[in-house]
């Protein structure tokens, strides 16, 4: 399982400055075939300065949930650190 890209990335307005809500579609490669997965997630900055990814809503994907969410959180964290998420 590998996340190959993201499309339709939208940031939603939230009045709390340390919380950012996003909606997007991830392109996931599962067993040599591609699948799209729509997710809503939150990037929240903790008081220590560490960003935490919280997945609020995710489409059903025919793959075990725990490794999938772990990989999605890692991918979104790297995307945020490299400036790939809208500010």
N, C-alpha and C. Protein backbone atom coordinates (compact mmCIF):
# COMPACT_ATOMS: atom_id res chain seq x y z
N UNK A 1 0.85 -1.17 0.00
CA UNK A 1 0.00 0.00 0.00
C UNK A 1 0.89 1.23 0.00
N UNK A 2 0.56 2.15 -0.92
CA UNK A 2 1.35 3.37 -1.04
C UNK A 2 0.43 4.50 -1.47
N UNK A 3 0.62 5.67 -0.89
CA UNK A 3 -0.14 6.86 -1.30
C UNK A 3 0.68 7.55 -2.38
N UNK A 4 0.08 7.69 -3.56
CA UNK A 4 0.83 8.24 -4.69
C UNK A 4 0.54 9.71 -4.95
N UNK A 5 -0.55 10.25 -4.40
CA UNK A 5 -0.83 11.66 -4.63
C UNK A 5 -2.09 12.13 -3.95
N UNK A 6 -2.34 13.42 -4.10
CA UNK A 6 -3.52 14.05 -3.51
C UNK A 6 -4.13 14.97 -4.56
N UNK A 7 -5.47 15.03 -4.59
CA UNK A 7 -6.14 15.93 -5.52
C UNK A 7 -7.35 16.54 -4.81
N UNK A 8 -7.87 17.61 -5.36
CA UNK A 8 -9.03 18.33 -4.83
C UNK A 8 -8.82 18.74 -3.37
N UNK A 9 -7.65 19.27 -3.06
CA UNK A 9 -7.32 19.69 -1.70
C UNK A 9 -7.94 21.06 -1.41
N UNK A 10 -8.79 21.12 -0.38
CA UNK A 10 -9.50 22.35 -0.03
C UNK A 10 -9.32 22.60 1.46
N UNK A 11 -9.00 23.85 1.83
CA UNK A 11 -8.94 24.23 3.24
C UNK A 11 -10.25 24.90 3.63
N UNK A 12 -10.82 24.46 4.75
CA UNK A 12 -12.06 25.03 5.25
C UNK A 12 -11.74 26.07 6.32
N UNK A 13 -12.54 27.13 6.39
CA UNK A 13 -12.31 28.18 7.38
C UNK A 13 -12.73 27.74 8.77
N UNK A 14 -11.84 27.97 9.74
CA UNK A 14 -12.10 27.66 11.14
C UNK A 14 -11.65 28.87 11.95
N UNK A 15 -12.45 29.33 12.91
CA UNK A 15 -12.06 30.52 13.68
C UNK A 15 -10.94 30.28 14.69
N UNK A 16 -10.56 29.05 14.93
CA UNK A 16 -9.50 28.74 15.89
C UNK A 16 -8.17 28.72 15.12
N UNK A 17 -7.21 29.56 15.53
CA UNK A 17 -6.00 29.76 14.75
C UNK A 17 -5.06 28.56 14.75
N UNK A 18 -5.11 27.69 15.74
CA UNK A 18 -4.19 26.55 15.80
C UNK A 18 -4.78 25.28 15.19
N UNK A 19 -5.94 25.39 14.57
CA UNK A 19 -6.59 24.22 13.96
C UNK A 19 -6.91 24.54 12.50
N UNK A 20 -6.52 23.65 11.59
CA UNK A 20 -6.80 23.82 10.17
C UNK A 20 -7.56 22.60 9.66
N UNK A 21 -8.71 22.80 9.05
CA UNK A 21 -9.51 21.70 8.50
C UNK A 21 -9.31 21.62 7.00
N UNK A 22 -9.15 20.39 6.50
CA UNK A 22 -8.94 20.17 5.08
C UNK A 22 -9.87 19.06 4.58
N UNK A 23 -10.10 19.07 3.29
CA UNK A 23 -10.85 18.02 2.61
C UNK A 23 -10.09 17.71 1.32
N UNK A 24 -9.90 16.43 1.03
CA UNK A 24 -9.16 16.07 -0.18
C UNK A 24 -9.48 14.65 -0.61
N UNK A 25 -8.96 14.29 -1.76
CA UNK A 25 -9.05 12.93 -2.27
C UNK A 25 -7.63 12.40 -2.43
N UNK A 26 -7.34 11.29 -1.76
CA UNK A 26 -6.02 10.66 -1.86
C UNK A 26 -6.04 9.58 -2.93
N UNK A 27 -4.96 9.47 -3.67
CA UNK A 27 -4.80 8.41 -4.65
C UNK A 27 -3.91 7.35 -4.01
N UNK A 28 -4.49 6.18 -3.78
CA UNK A 28 -3.80 5.12 -3.06
C UNK A 28 -3.58 3.93 -3.99
N UNK A 29 -2.37 3.39 -3.96
CA UNK A 29 -2.05 2.22 -4.76
C UNK A 29 -2.15 0.99 -3.87
N UNK A 30 -3.15 0.15 -4.15
CA UNK A 30 -3.39 -1.05 -3.37
C UNK A 30 -3.22 -2.27 -4.27
N UNK A 31 -2.24 -3.11 -3.96
CA UNK A 31 -2.03 -4.34 -4.70
C UNK A 31 -1.97 -4.11 -6.21
N UNK A 32 -1.16 -3.17 -6.60
CA UNK A 32 -0.89 -2.80 -7.99
C UNK A 32 -2.12 -2.27 -8.74
N UNK A 33 -3.13 -1.77 -8.02
CA UNK A 33 -4.22 -1.04 -8.68
C UNK A 33 -4.50 0.23 -7.87
N UNK A 34 -5.01 1.23 -8.54
CA UNK A 34 -5.20 2.53 -7.94
C UNK A 34 -6.63 2.68 -7.40
N UNK A 35 -6.74 3.36 -6.26
CA UNK A 35 -8.05 3.63 -5.65
C UNK A 35 -8.06 5.05 -5.12
N UNK A 36 -9.23 5.70 -5.18
CA UNK A 36 -9.40 7.04 -4.64
C UNK A 36 -10.10 6.95 -3.30
N UNK A 37 -9.66 7.77 -2.36
CA UNK A 37 -10.23 7.77 -1.01
C UNK A 37 -10.43 9.22 -0.58
N UNK A 38 -11.68 9.62 -0.37
CA UNK A 38 -11.97 10.98 0.09
C UNK A 38 -11.85 11.03 1.61
N UNK A 39 -11.10 12.02 2.12
CA UNK A 39 -10.96 12.18 3.56
C UNK A 39 -11.15 13.64 3.97
N UNK A 40 -11.60 13.82 5.20
CA UNK A 40 -11.61 15.11 5.87
C UNK A 40 -10.66 14.97 7.06
N UNK A 41 -9.72 15.91 7.19
CA UNK A 41 -8.76 15.80 8.28
C UNK A 41 -8.46 17.17 8.87
N UNK A 42 -7.91 17.14 10.07
CA UNK A 42 -7.56 18.36 10.80
C UNK A 42 -6.08 18.33 11.12
N UNK A 43 -5.41 19.46 10.90
CA UNK A 43 -4.03 19.65 11.35
C UNK A 43 -4.10 20.57 12.56
N UNK A 44 -3.74 20.05 13.71
CA UNK A 44 -3.82 20.84 14.94
C UNK A 44 -2.42 21.01 15.52
N UNK A 45 -2.07 22.26 15.84
CA UNK A 45 -0.78 22.55 16.45
C UNK A 45 -0.94 22.48 17.96
N UNK A 46 -0.19 21.59 18.57
CA UNK A 46 -0.23 21.41 20.02
C UNK A 46 0.56 22.53 20.71
N UNK A 47 0.37 22.74 22.02
CA UNK A 47 1.13 23.78 22.73
C UNK A 47 2.64 23.59 22.67
N UNK A 48 3.09 22.37 22.42
CA UNK A 48 4.52 22.11 22.31
C UNK A 48 5.08 22.47 20.94
N UNK A 49 4.19 22.81 19.99
CA UNK A 49 4.61 23.17 18.64
C UNK A 49 4.55 22.03 17.65
N UNK A 50 4.17 20.86 18.10
CA UNK A 50 4.08 19.68 17.23
C UNK A 50 2.72 19.66 16.54
N UNK A 51 2.71 19.39 15.24
CA UNK A 51 1.45 19.28 14.50
C UNK A 51 0.93 17.85 14.59
N UNK A 52 -0.38 17.73 14.84
CA UNK A 52 -1.02 16.43 14.92
C UNK A 52 -2.07 16.32 13.83
N UNK A 53 -2.12 15.18 13.15
CA UNK A 53 -3.11 14.93 12.11
C UNK A 53 -4.24 14.12 12.72
N UNK A 54 -5.47 14.61 12.56
CA UNK A 54 -6.65 13.91 13.04
C UNK A 54 -7.54 13.64 11.83
N UNK A 55 -7.83 12.38 11.55
CA UNK A 55 -8.70 12.03 10.43
C UNK A 55 -10.13 12.02 10.93
N UNK A 56 -10.95 12.93 10.41
CA UNK A 56 -12.33 13.08 10.86
C UNK A 56 -13.27 12.14 10.12
N UNK A 57 -13.09 12.02 8.81
CA UNK A 57 -14.00 11.23 7.98
C UNK A 57 -13.19 10.63 6.83
N UNK A 58 -13.45 9.35 6.53
CA UNK A 58 -12.71 8.70 5.46
C UNK A 58 -13.63 7.71 4.74
N UNK A 59 -13.51 7.66 3.41
CA UNK A 59 -14.26 6.68 2.63
C UNK A 59 -13.82 5.27 3.00
N UNK A 60 -14.69 4.34 2.70
CA UNK A 60 -14.37 2.93 2.92
C UNK A 60 -13.37 2.45 1.87
N UNK A 61 -12.29 1.86 2.32
CA UNK A 61 -11.26 1.32 1.44
C UNK A 61 -11.05 -0.14 1.84
N UNK A 62 -10.91 -1.01 0.84
CA UNK A 62 -10.74 -2.43 1.11
C UNK A 62 -9.29 -2.72 1.50
N UNK A 63 -8.94 -2.28 2.70
CA UNK A 63 -7.60 -2.45 3.25
C UNK A 63 -7.71 -2.32 4.76
N UNK A 64 -6.87 -2.98 5.55
CA UNK A 64 -6.94 -2.84 7.01
C UNK A 64 -6.79 -1.38 7.45
N UNK A 65 -7.63 -0.97 8.38
CA UNK A 65 -7.75 0.43 8.74
C UNK A 65 -6.52 0.98 9.47
N UNK A 66 -5.94 0.24 10.38
CA UNK A 66 -4.84 0.75 11.18
C UNK A 66 -3.60 1.09 10.34
N UNK A 67 -3.10 0.18 9.48
CA UNK A 67 -1.94 0.57 8.67
C UNK A 67 -2.27 1.67 7.66
N UNK A 68 -3.51 1.70 7.19
CA UNK A 68 -3.91 2.74 6.24
C UNK A 68 -3.89 4.12 6.90
N UNK A 69 -4.49 4.26 8.07
CA UNK A 69 -4.52 5.56 8.75
C UNK A 69 -3.11 5.99 9.17
N UNK A 70 -2.29 5.04 9.57
CA UNK A 70 -0.91 5.36 9.94
C UNK A 70 -0.14 5.93 8.75
N UNK A 71 -0.30 5.31 7.59
CA UNK A 71 0.38 5.77 6.37
C UNK A 71 -0.17 7.13 5.92
N UNK A 72 -1.48 7.33 6.04
CA UNK A 72 -2.09 8.61 5.65
C UNK A 72 -1.58 9.73 6.54
N UNK A 73 -1.51 9.50 7.84
CA UNK A 73 -1.02 10.52 8.77
C UNK A 73 0.43 10.87 8.49
N UNK A 74 1.24 9.86 8.19
CA UNK A 74 2.64 10.11 7.87
C UNK A 74 2.77 10.91 6.58
N UNK A 75 1.99 10.56 5.58
CA UNK A 75 2.03 11.27 4.29
C UNK A 75 1.59 12.73 4.45
N UNK A 76 0.51 12.96 5.21
CA UNK A 76 0.01 14.32 5.40
C UNK A 76 0.97 15.16 6.25
N UNK A 77 1.65 14.56 7.19
CA UNK A 77 2.64 15.29 7.99
C UNK A 77 3.80 15.75 7.13
N UNK A 78 4.29 14.88 6.27
CA UNK A 78 5.38 15.25 5.35
C UNK A 78 4.90 16.32 4.37
N UNK A 79 3.68 16.19 3.90
CA UNK A 79 3.12 17.17 2.97
C UNK A 79 3.02 18.55 3.64
N UNK A 80 2.66 18.59 4.91
CA UNK A 80 2.56 19.85 5.64
C UNK A 80 3.95 20.44 5.88
N UNK A 81 4.91 19.62 6.23
CA UNK A 81 6.27 20.10 6.49
C UNK A 81 6.96 20.65 5.25
N UNK A 82 6.61 20.12 4.09
CA UNK A 82 7.23 20.58 2.84
C UNK A 82 6.45 21.72 2.18
N UNK A 83 5.35 22.15 2.81
CA UNK A 83 4.59 23.27 2.28
C UNK A 83 3.55 22.88 1.24
N UNK A 84 3.14 21.64 1.21
CA UNK A 84 2.18 21.17 0.24
C UNK A 84 0.72 21.44 0.59
N UNK A 85 0.46 21.81 1.84
CA UNK A 85 -0.91 22.13 2.27
C UNK A 85 -1.13 23.64 2.23
N UNK A 86 -2.32 24.08 1.79
CA UNK A 86 -2.62 25.51 1.77
C UNK A 86 -2.59 26.10 3.18
N UNK A 87 -2.08 27.28 3.29
CA UNK A 87 -2.00 27.96 4.60
C UNK A 87 -3.25 28.75 4.89
